[in-house]
PDB file of N, CA and C in Angstrom:
ATOM      1  N   MET A   1       0.817  -1.186   0.000  1.00  0.00           N
ATOM      2  CA  MET A   1       0.000   0.000   0.000  1.00  0.00           C
ATOM      3  C   MET A   1       0.867   1.257   0.000  1.00  0.00           C
ATOM      4  N   LEU A   2       1.930   1.210   0.764  1.00  0.00           N
ATOM      5  CA  LEU A   2       2.836   2.348   0.825  1.00  0.00           C
ATOM      6  C   LEU A   2       3.516   2.580  -0.524  1.00  0.00           C
ATOM      7  N   ARG A   3       3.877   1.497  -1.211  1.00  0.00           N
ATOM      8  CA  ARG A   3       4.487   1.628  -2.537  1.00  0.00           C
ATOM      9  C   ARG A   3       3.512   2.267  -3.519  1.00  0.00           C
ATOM     10  N   LEU A   4       2.275   1.863  -3.446  1.00  0.00           N
ATOM     11  CA  LEU A   4       1.265   2.421  -4.340  1.00  0.00           C
ATOM     12  C   LEU A   4       1.087   3.913  -4.092  1.00  0.00           C
ATOM     13  N   LEU A   5       1.023   4.310  -2.833  1.00  0.00           N
ATOM     14  CA  LEU A   5       0.894   5.733  -2.510  1.00  0.00           C
ATOM     15  C   LEU A   5       2.135   6.515  -2.941  1.00  0.00           C
ATOM     16  N   SER A   6       3.292   5.924  -2.788  1.00  0.00           N
ATOM     17  CA  SER A   6       4.530   6.574  -3.230  1.00  0.00           C
ATOM     18  C   SER A   6       4.539   6.758  -4.735  1.00  0.00           C
ATOM     19  N   LEU A   7       4.108   5.736  -5.452  1.00  0.00           N
ATOM     20  CA  LEU A   7       4.056   5.812  -6.908  1.00  0.00           C
ATOM     21  C   LEU A   7       3.067   6.882  -7.365  1.00  0.00           C
ATOM     22  N   ILE A   8       1.909   6.940  -6.733  1.00  0.00           N
ATOM     23  CA  ILE A   8       0.922   7.956  -7.075  1.00  0.00           C
ATOM     24  C   ILE A   8       1.467   9.347  -6.786  1.00  0.00           C
ATOM     25  N   PHE A   9       2.144   9.523  -5.682  1.00  0.00           N
ATOM     26  CA  PHE A   9       2.725  10.813  -5.324  1.00  0.00           C
ATOM     27  C   PHE A   9       3.786  11.237  -6.336  1.00  0.00           C
ATOM     28  N   ILE A  10       4.630  10.320  -6.747  1.00  0.00           N
ATOM     29  CA  ILE A  10       5.674  10.637  -7.731  1.00  0.00           C
ATOM     30  C   ILE A  10       5.054  11.002  -9.076  1.00  0.00           C
ATOM     31  N   LEU A  11       4.045  10.258  -9.494  1.00  0.00           N
ATOM     32  CA  LEU A  11       3.362  10.579 -10.742  1.00  0.00           C
ATOM     33  C   LEU A  11       2.678  11.942 -10.670  1.00  0.00           C
ATOM     34  N   PHE A  12       2.087  12.240  -9.533  1.00  0.00           N
ATOM     35  CA  PHE A  12       1.445  13.534  -9.327  1.00  0.00           C
ATOM     36  C   PHE A  12       2.456  14.668  -9.454  1.00  0.00           C
ATOM     37  N   LEU A  13       3.590  14.529  -8.800  1.00  0.00           N
ATOM     38  CA  LEU A  13       4.615  15.569  -8.868  1.00  0.00           C
ATOM     39  C   LEU A  13       5.190  15.721 -10.271  1.00  0.00           C
ATOM     40  N   SER A  14       5.427  14.611 -10.947  1.00  0.00           N
ATOM     41  CA  SER A  14       5.998  14.696 -12.292  1.00  0.00           C
ATOM     42  C   SER A  14       5.013  15.332 -13.268  1.00  0.00           C
ATOM     43  N   TYR A  15       3.725  15.033 -13.117  1.00  0.00           N
ATOM     44  CA  TYR A  15       2.723  15.620 -14.005  1.00  0.00           C
ATOM     45  C   TYR A  15       2.637  17.125 -13.811  1.00  0.00           C
ATOM     46  N   PHE A  16       2.494  17.572 -12.580  1.00  0.00           N
ATOM     47  CA  PHE A  16       2.353  18.994 -12.340  1.00  0.00           C
ATOM     48  C   PHE A  16       3.674  19.731 -12.471  1.00  0.00           C
ATOM     49  N   GLY A  17       4.769  19.054 -12.278  1.00  0.00           N
ATOM     50  CA  GLY A  17       6.068  19.682 -12.497  1.00  0.00           C
ATOM     51  C   GLY A  17       6.305  19.969 -13.964  1.00  0.00           C
ATOM     52  N   CYS A  18       5.867  19.061 -14.841  1.00  0.00           N
ATOM     53  CA  CYS A  18       6.038  19.258 -16.282  1.00  0.00           C
ATOM     54  C   CYS A  18       5.030  20.247 -16.835  1.00  0.00           C
ATOM     55  N   SER A  19       3.827  20.236 -16.327  1.00  0.00           N
ATOM     56  CA  SER A  19       2.801  21.113 -16.879  1.00  0.00           C
ATOM     57  C   SER A  19       2.929  22.542 -16.365  1.00  0.00           C
ATOM     58  N   ALA A  20       3.645  22.726 -15.292  1.00  0.00           N
ATOM     59  CA  ALA A  20       3.810  24.072 -14.744  1.00  0.00           C
ATOM     60  C   ALA A  20       5.109  24.687 -15.215  1.00  0.00           C
ATOM     61  N   GLN A  21       5.366  24.584 -16.516  1.00  0.00           N
ATOM     62  CA  GLN A  21       6.580  25.166 -17.072  1.00  0.00           C
ATOM     63  C   GLN A  21       6.533  26.674 -16.915  1.00  0.00           C
ATOM     64  N   ASN A  22       7.642  27.247 -16.556  1.00  0.00           N
ATOM     65  CA  ASN A  22       7.720  28.693 -16.457  1.00  0.00           C
ATOM     66  C   ASN A  22       8.494  29.206 -17.656  1.00  0.00           C
ATOM     67  N   ASN A  23       7.776  29.660 -18.658  1.00  0.00           N
ATOM     68  CA  ASN A  23       8.410  30.164 -19.871  1.00  0.00           C
ATOM     69  C   ASN A  23       8.607  31.665 -19.821  1.00  0.00           C
ATOM     70  N   LYS A  24       8.421  32.250 -18.659  1.00  0.00           N
ATOM     71  CA  LYS A  24       8.573  33.692 -18.526  1.00  0.00           C
ATOM     72  C   LYS A  24      10.027  34.131 -18.721  1.00  0.00           C
ATOM     73  N   ASN A  25      10.975  33.206 -18.530  1.00  0.00           N
ATOM     74  CA  ASN A  25      12.375  33.575 -18.678  1.00  0.00           C
ATOM     75  C   ASN A  25      12.825  33.580 -20.137  1.00  0.00           C
ATOM     76  N   ILE A  26      12.002  33.089 -21.047  1.00  0.00           N
ATOM     77  CA  ILE A  26      12.335  33.125 -22.470  1.00  0.00           C
ATOM     78  C   ILE A  26      11.683  34.361 -23.075  1.00  0.00           C
ATOM     79  N   ASP A  27      12.497  35.186 -23.672  1.00  0.00           N
ATOM     80  CA  ASP A  27      12.039  36.436 -24.249  1.00  0.00           C
ATOM     81  C   ASP A  27      11.314  36.170 -25.566  1.00  0.00           C
ATOM     82  N   PRO A  28      10.044  36.557 -25.689  1.00  0.00           N
ATOM     83  CA  PRO A  28       9.331  36.340 -26.949  1.00  0.00           C
ATOM     84  C   PRO A  28       9.928  37.137 -28.103  1.00  0.00           C
ATOM     85  N   CYS A  29      10.746  38.132 -27.776  1.00  0.00           N
ATOM     86  CA  CYS A  29      11.392  38.935 -28.813  1.00  0.00           C
ATOM     87  C   CYS A  29      12.569  38.210 -29.459  1.00  0.00           C
ATOM     88  N   LYS A  30      12.810  36.980 -29.052  1.00  0.00           N
ATOM     89  CA  LYS A  30      13.886  36.192 -29.645  1.00  0.00           C
ATOM     90  C   LYS A  30      13.354  34.987 -30.418  1.00  0.00           C
ATOM     91  N   LEU A  31      12.027  34.909 -30.578  1.00  0.00           N
ATOM     92  CA  LEU A  31      11.429  33.740 -31.211  1.00  0.00           C
ATOM     93  C   LEU A  31      11.281  33.923 -32.716  1.00  0.00           C
ATOM     94  N   TYR A  32      11.735  32.921 -33.435  1.00  0.00           N
ATOM     95  CA  TYR A  32      11.541  32.842 -34.876  1.00  0.00           C
ATOM     96  C   TYR A  32      11.679  31.386 -35.285  1.00  0.00           C
ATOM     97  N   GLY A  33      11.302  31.092 -36.500  1.00  0.00           N
ATOM     98  CA  GLY A  33      11.442  29.725 -36.987  1.00  0.00           C
ATOM     99  C   GLY A  33      10.113  29.050 -37.196  1.00  0.00           C
ATOM    100  N   SER A  34      10.141  27.728 -37.127  1.00  0.00           N
ATOM    101  CA  SER A  34       8.927  26.955 -37.391  1.00  0.00           C
ATOM    102  C   SER A  34       8.135  26.739 -36.110  1.00  0.00           C
ATOM    103  N   VAL A  35       6.818  26.828 -36.237  1.00  0.00           N
ATOM    104  CA  VAL A  35       5.907  26.798 -35.101  1.00  0.00           C
ATOM    105  C   VAL A  35       4.833  25.741 -35.346  1.00  0.00           C
ATOM    106  N   PHE A  36       4.508  25.016 -34.285  1.00  0.00           N
ATOM    107  CA  PHE A  36       3.406  24.065 -34.335  1.00  0.00           C
ATOM    108  C   PHE A  36       2.335  24.539 -33.370  1.00  0.00           C
ATOM    109  N   VAL A  37       1.087  24.553 -33.818  1.00  0.00           N
ATOM    110  CA  VAL A  37      -0.026  24.973 -32.971  1.00  0.00           C
ATOM    111  C   VAL A  37      -0.599  23.741 -32.278  1.00  0.00           C
ATOM    112  N   GLU A  38      -0.485  23.731 -30.955  1.00  0.00           N
ATOM    113  CA  GLU A  38      -0.973  22.615 -30.146  1.00  0.00           C
ATOM    114  C   GLU A  38      -2.461  22.771 -29.862  1.00  0.00           C
ATOM    115  N   LYS A  39      -3.134  21.646 -29.700  1.00  0.00           N
ATOM    116  CA  LYS A  39      -4.549  21.654 -29.329  1.00  0.00           C
ATOM    117  C   LYS A  39      -4.716  21.581 -27.810  1.00  0.00           C
ATOM    118  N   ASP A  40      -3.650  21.204 -27.113  1.00  0.00           N
ATOM    119  CA  ASP A  40      -3.676  21.072 -25.659  1.00  0.00           C
ATOM    120  C   ASP A  40      -2.616  21.993 -25.066  1.00  0.00           C
ATOM    121  N   ARG A  41      -3.011  22.840 -24.129  1.00  0.00           N
ATOM    122  CA  ARG A  41      -2.075  23.830 -23.585  1.00  0.00           C
ATOM    123  C   ARG A  41      -0.920  23.210 -22.805  1.00  0.00           C
ATOM    124  N   ILE A  42      -1.113  22.006 -22.294  1.00  0.00           N
ATOM    125  CA  ILE A  42      -0.057  21.362 -21.508  1.00  0.00           C
ATOM    126  C   ILE A  42       1.143  21.013 -22.387  1.00  0.00           C
ATOM    127  N   ASN A  43       0.907  20.663 -23.633  1.00  0.00           N
ATOM    128  CA  ASN A  43       1.994  20.271 -24.532  1.00  0.00           C
ATOM    129  C   ASN A  43       2.699  21.446 -25.187  1.00  0.00           C
ATOM    130  N   ALA A  44       2.152  22.630 -25.080  1.00  0.00           N
ATOM    131  CA  ALA A  44       2.710  23.794 -25.774  1.00  0.00           C
ATOM    132  C   ALA A  44       3.906  24.379 -25.029  1.00  0.00           C
ATOM    133  N   THR A  45       4.834  24.907 -25.789  1.00  0.00           N
ATOM    134  CA  THR A  45       5.962  25.627 -25.211  1.00  0.00           C
ATOM    135  C   THR A  45       5.503  26.968 -24.672  1.00  0.00           C
ATOM    136  N   PHE A  46       4.612  27.634 -25.422  1.00  0.00           N
ATOM    137  CA  PHE A  46       4.096  28.942 -25.029  1.00  0.00           C
ATOM    138  C   PHE A  46       2.588  28.987 -25.221  1.00  0.00           C
ATOM    139  N   ARG A  47       1.942  29.774 -24.364  1.00  0.00           N
ATOM    140  CA  ARG A  47       0.528  30.075 -24.529  1.00  0.00           C
ATOM    141  C   ARG A  47       0.433  31.498 -25.062  1.00  0.00           C
ATOM    142  N   VAL A  48      -0.231  31.638 -26.202  1.00  0.00           N
ATOM    143  CA  VAL A  48      -0.228  32.902 -26.936  1.00  0.00           C
ATOM    144  C   VAL A  48      -1.657  33.403 -27.125  1.00  0.00           C
ATOM    145  N   TYR A  49      -1.819  34.692 -26.937  1.00  0.00           N
ATOM    146  CA  TYR A  49      -3.093  35.346 -27.231  1.00  0.00           C
ATOM    147  C   TYR A  49      -2.913  36.176 -28.493  1.00  0.00           C
ATOM    148  N   ILE A  50      -3.870  36.084 -29.425  1.00  0.00           N
ATOM    149  CA  ILE A  50      -3.792  36.848 -30.666  1.00  0.00           C
ATOM    150  C   ILE A  50      -4.656  38.084 -30.527  1.00  0.00           C
ATOM    151  N   ASP A  51      -4.023  39.241 -30.677  1.00  0.00           N
ATOM    152  CA  ASP A  51      -4.727  40.518 -30.607  1.00  0.00           C
ATOM    153  C   ASP A  51      -4.831  41.085 -32.019  1.00  0.00           C
ATOM    154  N   THR A  52      -5.933  41.730 -32.311  1.00  0.00           N
ATOM    155  CA  THR A  52      -6.114  42.296 -33.644  1.00  0.00           C
ATOM    156  C   THR A  52      -5.365  43.621 -33.813  1.00  0.00           C
ATOM    157  N   THR A  53      -5.003  44.244 -32.712  1.00  0.00           N
ATOM    158  CA  THR A  53      -4.287  45.514 -32.751  1.00  0.00           C
ATOM    159  C   THR A  53      -2.811  45.289 -32.461  1.00  0.00           C
ATOM    160  N   SER A  54      -1.968  45.718 -33.384  1.00  0.00           N
ATOM    161  CA  SER A  54      -0.529  45.478 -33.217  1.00  0.00           C
ATOM    162  C   SER A  54       0.085  46.306 -32.093  1.00  0.00           C
ATOM    163  N   SER A  55      -0.547  47.406 -31.713  1.00  0.00           N
ATOM    164  CA  SER A  55       0.030  48.242 -30.654  1.00  0.00           C
ATOM    165  C   SER A  55      -0.067  47.597 -29.274  1.00  0.00           C
ATOM    166  N   PHE A  56      -0.967  46.628 -29.100  1.00  0.00           N
ATOM    167  CA  PHE A  56      -1.100  45.941 -27.818  1.00  0.00           C
ATOM    168  C   PHE A  56      -0.363  44.608 -27.781  1.00  0.00           C
ATOM    169  N   ALA A  57       0.303  44.246 -28.858  1.00  0.00           N
ATOM    170  CA  ALA A  57       0.999  42.963 -28.943  1.00  0.00           C
ATOM    171  C   ALA A  57       2.457  43.102 -28.515  1.00  0.00           C
ATOM    172  N   ASN A  58       3.001  42.017 -27.973  1.00  0.00           N
ATOM    173  CA  ASN A  58       4.428  41.981 -27.668  1.00  0.00           C
ATOM    174  C   ASN A  58       5.245  41.738 -28.933  1.00  0.00           C
ATOM    175  N   VAL A  59       4.703  40.909 -29.824  1.00  0.00           N
ATOM    176  CA  VAL A  59       5.407  40.535 -31.054  1.00  0.00           C
ATOM    177  C   VAL A  59       4.453  40.623 -32.235  1.00  0.00           C
ATOM    178  N   ASN A  60       4.908  41.261 -33.308  1.00  0.00           N
ATOM    179  CA  ASN A  60       4.179  41.248 -34.575  1.00  0.00           C
ATOM    180  C   ASN A  60       4.715  40.083 -35.389  1.00  0.00           C
ATOM    181  N   VAL A  61       3.835  39.200 -35.807  1.00  0.00           N
ATOM    182  CA  VAL A  61       4.235  37.965 -36.482  1.00  0.00           C
ATOM    183  C   VAL A  61       3.871  38.040 -37.956  1.00  0.00           C
ATOM    184  N   PHE A  62       4.849  37.712 -38.783  1.00  0.00           N
ATOM    185  CA  PHE A  62       4.630  37.568 -40.218  1.00  0.00           C
ATOM    186  C   PHE A  62       4.698  36.089 -40.550  1.00  0.00           C
ATOM    187  N   LYS A  63       3.651  35.570 -41.186  1.00  0.00           N
ATOM    188  CA  LYS A  63       3.609  34.152 -41.551  1.00  0.00           C
ATOM    189  C   LYS A  63       4.411  33.925 -42.827  1.00  0.00           C
ATOM    190  N   GLN A  64       5.500  33.201 -42.688  1.00  0.00           N
ATOM    191  CA  GLN A  64       6.337  32.869 -43.842  1.00  0.00           C
ATOM    192  C   GLN A  64       5.779  31.641 -44.551  1.00  0.00           C
ATOM    193  N   ASN A  65       5.956  31.572 -45.853  1.00  0.00           N
ATOM    194  CA  ASN A  65       5.518  30.429 -46.646  1.00  0.00           C
ATOM    195  C   ASN A  65       6.598  29.357 -46.761  1.00  0.00           C
ATOM    196  N   ASN A  66       7.818  29.700 -46.368  1.00  0.00           N
ATOM    197  CA  ASN A  66       8.940  28.790 -46.466  1.00  0.00           C
ATOM    198  C   ASN A  66       9.713  28.827 -45.152  1.00  0.00           C
ATOM    199  N   LYS A  67      10.050  27.674 -44.625  1.00  0.00           N
ATOM    200  CA  LYS A  67      10.762  27.588 -43.346  1.00  0.00           C
ATOM    201  C   LYS A  67      12.124  28.285 -43.395  1.00  0.00           C
ATOM    202  N   LEU A  68      12.768  28.267 -44.541  1.00  0.00           N
ATOM    203  CA  LEU A  68      14.094  28.873 -44.672  1.00  0.00           C
ATOM    204  C   LEU A  68      14.066  30.385 -44.511  1.00  0.00           C
ATOM    205  N   TYR A  69      12.933  31.011 -44.772  1.00  0.00           N
ATOM    206  CA  TYR A  69      12.831  32.463 -44.660  1.00  0.00           C
ATOM    207  C   TYR A  69      12.424  32.920 -43.260  1.00  0.00           C
ATOM    208  N   ALA A  70      12.068  32.014 -42.406  1.00  0.00           N
ATOM    209  CA  ALA A  70      11.688  32.364 -41.031  1.00  0.00           C
ATOM    210  C   ALA A  70      12.943  32.424 -40.169  1.00  0.00           C
ATOM    211  N   ASP A  71      13.795  33.391 -40.475  1.00  0.00           N
ATOM    212  CA  ASP A  71      15.101  33.466 -39.830  1.00  0.00           C
ATOM    213  C   ASP A  71      15.329  34.753 -39.047  1.00  0.00           C
ATOM    214  N   LYS A  72      14.274  35.523 -38.844  1.00  0.00           N
ATOM    215  CA  LYS A  72      14.378  36.751 -38.058  1.00  0.00           C
ATOM    216  C   LYS A  72      13.241  36.794 -37.050  1.00  0.00           C
ATOM    217  N   VAL A  73      13.404  37.596 -36.039  1.00  0.00           N
ATOM    218  CA  VAL A  73      12.407  37.703 -34.976  1.00  0.00           C
ATOM    219  C   VAL A  73      11.053  38.096 -35.558  1.00  0.00           C
ATOM    220  N   GLY A  74      10.015  37.367 -35.143  1.00  0.00           N
ATOM    221  CA  GLY A  74       8.668  37.656 -35.600  1.00  0.00           C
ATOM    222  C   GLY A  74       8.287  36.996 -36.906  1.00  0.00           C
ATOM    223  N   GLN A  75       9.220  36.306 -37.530  1.00  0.00           N
ATOM    224  CA  GLN A  75       8.910  35.595 -38.763  1.00  0.00           C
ATOM    225  C   GLN A  75       8.750  34.125 -38.426  1.00  0.00           C
ATOM    226  N   TRP A  76       7.523  33.643 -38.558  1.00  0.00           N
ATOM    227  CA  TRP A  76       7.189  32.283 -38.165  1.00  0.00           C
ATOM    228  C   TRP A  76       6.688  31.498 -39.367  1.00  0.00           C
ATOM    229  N   TYR A  77       7.105  30.260 -39.428  1.00  0.00           N
ATOM    230  CA  TYR A  77       6.591  29.319 -40.413  1.00  0.00           C
ATOM    231  C   TYR A  77       5.753  28.292 -39.656  1.00  0.00           C
ATOM    232  N   PHE A  78       4.480  28.217 -39.973  1.00  0.00           N
ATOM    233  CA  PHE A  78       3.582  27.297 -39.284  1.00  0.00           C
ATOM    234  C   PHE A  78       3.629  25.935 -39.953  1.00  0.00           C
ATOM    235  N   THR A  79       4.016  24.930 -39.178  1.00  0.00           N
ATOM    236  CA  THR A  79       4.131  23.568 -39.680  1.00  0.00           C
ATOM    237  C   THR A  79       3.006  22.705 -39.108  1.00  0.00           C
ATOM    238  N   THR A  80       2.683  21.660 -39.838  1.00  0.00           N
ATOM    239  CA  THR A  80       1.644  20.741 -39.373  1.00  0.00           C
ATOM    240  C   THR A  80       2.241  19.511 -38.702  1.00  0.00           C
ATOM    241  N   VAL A  81       3.575  19.467 -38.638  1.00  0.00           N
ATOM    242  CA  VAL A  81       4.271  18.330 -38.032  1.00  0.00           C
ATOM    243  C   VAL A  81       5.003  18.825 -36.787  1.00  0.00           C
ATOM    244  N   ARG A  82       4.629  18.305 -35.632  1.00  0.00           N
ATOM    245  CA  ARG A  82       5.209  18.740 -34.361  1.00  0.00           C
ATOM    246  C   ARG A  82       6.723  18.544 -34.310  1.00  0.00           C
ATOM    247  N   ASP A  83       7.211  17.449 -34.865  1.00  0.00           N
ATOM    248  CA  ASP A  83       8.637  17.143 -34.786  1.00  0.00           C
ATOM    249  C   ASP A  83       9.508  18.097 -35.603  1.00  0.00           C
ATOM    250  N   PHE A  84       8.917  18.803 -36.557  1.00  0.00           N
ATOM    251  CA  PHE A  84       9.678  19.739 -37.380  1.00  0.00           C
ATOM    252  C   PHE A  84       9.680  21.151 -36.815  1.00  0.00           C
ATOM    253  N   ALA A  85       8.978  21.376 -35.724  1.00  0.00           N
ATOM    254  CA  ALA A  85       8.833  22.715 -35.163  1.00  0.00           C
ATOM    255  C   ALA A  85       9.972  23.060 -34.212  1.00  0.00           C
ATOM    256  N   ASP A  86      10.348  24.328 -34.208  1.00  0.00           N
ATOM    257  CA  ASP A  86      11.334  24.837 -33.249  1.00  0.00           C
ATOM    258  C   ASP A  86      10.692  25.058 -31.881  1.00  0.00           C
ATOM    259  N   PHE A  87       9.431  25.435 -31.881  1.00  0.00           N
ATOM    260  CA  PHE A  87       8.674  25.595 -30.645  1.00  0.00           C
ATOM    261  C   PHE A  87       7.195  25.443 -30.974  1.00  0.00           C
ATOM    262  N   SER A  88       6.385  25.295 -29.937  1.00  0.00           N
ATOM    263  CA  SER A  88       4.950  25.130 -30.153  1.00  0.00           C
ATOM    264  C   SER A  88       4.188  26.163 -29.342  1.00  0.00           C
ATOM    265  N   ILE A  89       2.992  26.488 -29.835  1.00  0.00           N
ATOM    266  CA  ILE A  89       2.154  27.465 -29.144  1.00  0.00           C
ATOM    267  C   ILE A  89       0.753  26.892 -28.962  1.00  0.00           C
ATOM    268  N   TYR A  90       0.086  27.395 -27.964  1.00  0.00           N
ATOM    269  CA  TYR A  90      -1.327  27.124 -27.760  1.00  0.00           C
ATOM    270  C   TYR A  90      -2.035  28.465 -27.866  1.00  0.00           C
ATOM    271  N   LEU A  91      -3.067  28.538 -28.688  1.00  0.00           N
ATOM    272  CA  LEU A  91      -3.801  29.780 -28.877  1.00  0.00           C
ATOM    273  C   LEU A  91      -4.796  29.948 -27.737  1.00  0.00           C
ATOM    274  N   GLU A  92      -4.430  30.822 -26.831  1.00  0.00           N
ATOM    275  CA  GLU A  92      -5.201  31.045 -25.612  1.00  0.00           C
ATOM    276  C   GLU A  92      -6.361  32.000 -25.891  1.00  0.00           C
ATOM    277  N   ALA A  93      -7.540  31.661 -25.401  1.00  0.00           N
ATOM    278  CA  ALA A  93      -8.716  32.510 -25.577  1.00  0.00           C
ATOM    279  C   ALA A  93      -8.762  33.633 -24.541  1.00  0.00           C
ATOM    280  N   ASN A  94      -8.109  33.430 -23.417  1.00  0.00           N
ATOM    281  CA  ASN A  94      -8.098  34.408 -22.335  1.00  0.00           C
ATOM    282  C   ASN A  94      -6.729  35.082 -22.292  1.00  0.00           C
ATOM    283  N   LYS A  95      -6.690  36.376 -22.484  1.00  0.00           N
ATOM    284  CA  LYS A  95      -5.428  37.121 -22.530  1.00  0.00           C
ATOM    285  C   LYS A  95      -4.644  37.021 -21.230  1.00  0.00           C
ATOM    286  N   ALA A  96      -5.337  36.927 -20.110  1.00  0.00           N
ATOM    287  CA  ALA A  96      -4.682  36.859 -18.802  1.00  0.00           C
ATOM    288  C   ALA A  96      -3.892  35.565 -18.612  1.00  0.00           C
ATOM    289  N   LEU A  97      -4.247  34.516 -19.322  1.00  0.00           N
ATOM    290  CA  LEU A  97      -3.558  33.236 -19.186  1.00  0.00           C
ATOM    291  C   LEU A  97      -2.400  33.065 -20.167  1.00  0.00           C
ATOM    292  N   ALA A  98      -2.233  33.994 -21.067  1.00  0.00           N
ATOM    293  CA  ALA A  98      -1.202  33.884 -22.099  1.00  0.00           C
ATOM    294  C   ALA A  98       0.168  34.286 -21.575  1.00  0.00           C
ATOM    295  N   ASP A  99       1.207  33.655 -22.140  1.00  0.00           N
ATOM    296  CA  ASP A  99       2.583  34.037 -21.817  1.00  0.00           C
ATOM    297  C   ASP A  99       2.947  35.358 -22.479  1.00  0.00           C
ATOM    298  N   PHE A 100       2.454  35.563 -23.699  1.00  0.00           N
ATOM    299  CA  PHE A 100       2.641  36.828 -24.395  1.00  0.00           C
ATOM    300  C   PHE A 100       1.580  36.976 -25.474  1.00  0.00           C
ATOM    301  N   VAL A 101       1.514  38.181 -26.045  1.00  0.00           N
ATOM    302  CA  VAL A 101       0.486  38.533 -27.026  1.00  0.00           C
ATOM    303  C   VAL A 101       1.153  38.762 -28.378  1.00  0.00           C
ATOM    304  N   ILE A 102       0.521  38.213 -29.424  1.00  0.00           N
ATOM    305  CA  ILE A 102       1.014  38.435 -30.782  1.00  0.00           C
ATOM    306  C   ILE A 102      -0.070  39.102 -31.615  1.00  0.00           C
ATOM    307  N   SER A 103       0.370  39.685 -32.696  1.00  0.00           N
ATOM    308  CA  SER A 103      -0.525  40.241 -33.693  1.00  0.00           C
ATOM    309  C   SER A 103       0.068  39.905 -35.047  1.00  0.00           C
ATOM    310  N   TYR A 104      -0.772  39.533 -35.989  1.00  0.00           N
ATOM    311  CA  TYR A 104      -0.279  39.202 -37.317  1.00  0.00           C
ATOM    312  C   TYR A 104      -0.138  40.457 -38.153  1.00  0.00           C
ATOM    313  N   THR A 105       0.898  40.487 -38.963  1.00  0.00           N
ATOM    314  CA  THR A 105       1.133  41.600 -39.866  1.00  0.00           C
ATOM    315  C   THR A 105       1.242  41.082 -41.296  1.00  0.00           C
ATOM    316  N   ASN A 106       0.864  41.897 -42.239  1.00  0.00           N
ATOM    317  CA  ASN A 106       0.943  41.524 -43.654  1.00  0.00           C
ATOM    318  C   ASN A 106       2.262  41.926 -44.285  1.00  0.00           C
ATOM    319  N   SER A 107       3.066  42.661 -43.553  1.00  0.00           N
ATOM    320  CA  SER A 107       4.338  43.169 -44.082  1.00  0.00           C
ATOM    321  C   SER A 107       5.505  42.525 -43.315  1.00  0.00           C
ATOM    322  N   GLU A 108       6.436  42.020 -44.054  1.00  0.00           N
ATOM    323  CA  GLU A 108       7.614  41.383 -43.444  1.00  0.00           C
ATOM    324  C   GLU A 108       8.458  42.397 -42.669  1.00  0.00           C
ATOM    325  N   THR A 109       8.447  43.651 -43.106  1.00  0.00           N
ATOM    326  CA  THR A 109       9.265  44.659 -42.431  1.00  0.00           C
ATOM    327  C   THR A 109       8.706  45.058 -41.072  1.00  0.00           C
ATOM    328  N   PHE A 110       7.424  44.852 -40.840  1.00  0.00           N
ATOM    329  CA  PHE A 110       6.825  45.194 -39.546  1.00  0.00           C
ATOM    330  C   PHE A 110       6.884  44.043 -38.547  1.00  0.00           C
ATOM    331  N   ALA A 111       7.388  42.904 -38.961  1.00  0.00           N
ATOM    332  CA  ALA A 111       7.506  41.778 -38.051  1.00  0.00           C
ATOM    333  C   ALA A 111       8.588  42.048 -37.022  1.00  0.00           C
ATOM    334  N   GLY A 112       8.337  41.611 -35.819  1.00  0.00           N
ATOM    335  CA  GLY A 112       9.328  41.778 -34.757  1.00  0.00           C
ATOM    336  C   GLY A 112       8.690  42.221 -33.463  1.00  0.00           C
ATOM    337  N   CYS A 113       9.518  42.724 -32.592  1.00  0.00           N
ATOM    338  CA  CYS A 113       9.091  43.071 -31.244  1.00  0.00           C
ATOM    339  C   CYS A 113       8.599  44.495 -31.144  1.00  0.00           C
ATOM    340  N   ASN A 114       7.608  44.683 -30.293  1.00  0.00           N
ATOM    341  CA  ASN A 114       7.132  46.017 -29.953  1.00  0.00           C
ATOM    342  C   ASN A 114       7.729  46.407 -28.614  1.00  0.00           C
ATOM    343  N   ASP A 115       8.648  47.297 -28.628  1.00  0.00           N
ATOM    344  CA  ASP A 115       9.301  47.725 -27.373  1.00  0.00           C
ATOM    345  C   ASP A 115       8.633  48.913 -26.762  1.00  0.00           C
TER     346      ASP A 115
END
């Protein structure tokens, strides 16, 4: 019985330890490359809120059509294969729960960080 309780306790700690990732130490102004959109927030590297106004966003994102061109901050290539992604995001519906806010831009020159 004690072994079973110990095993349950270890599983509990490992689950909540992994799901409570603190990504606040990673600067969103350094993110670029290929991105995978997760359906479950626990598996995502970052939780992102999409704002329609670029002035309220931390990062303006330009969607690249080719992974090779997503080589600067704010230039993201969205992939459908998780293993090919540099990082993953979960599209958060509540802004308060997001790690940072993005806004999409139609111009490659406006992609990047809003300081």
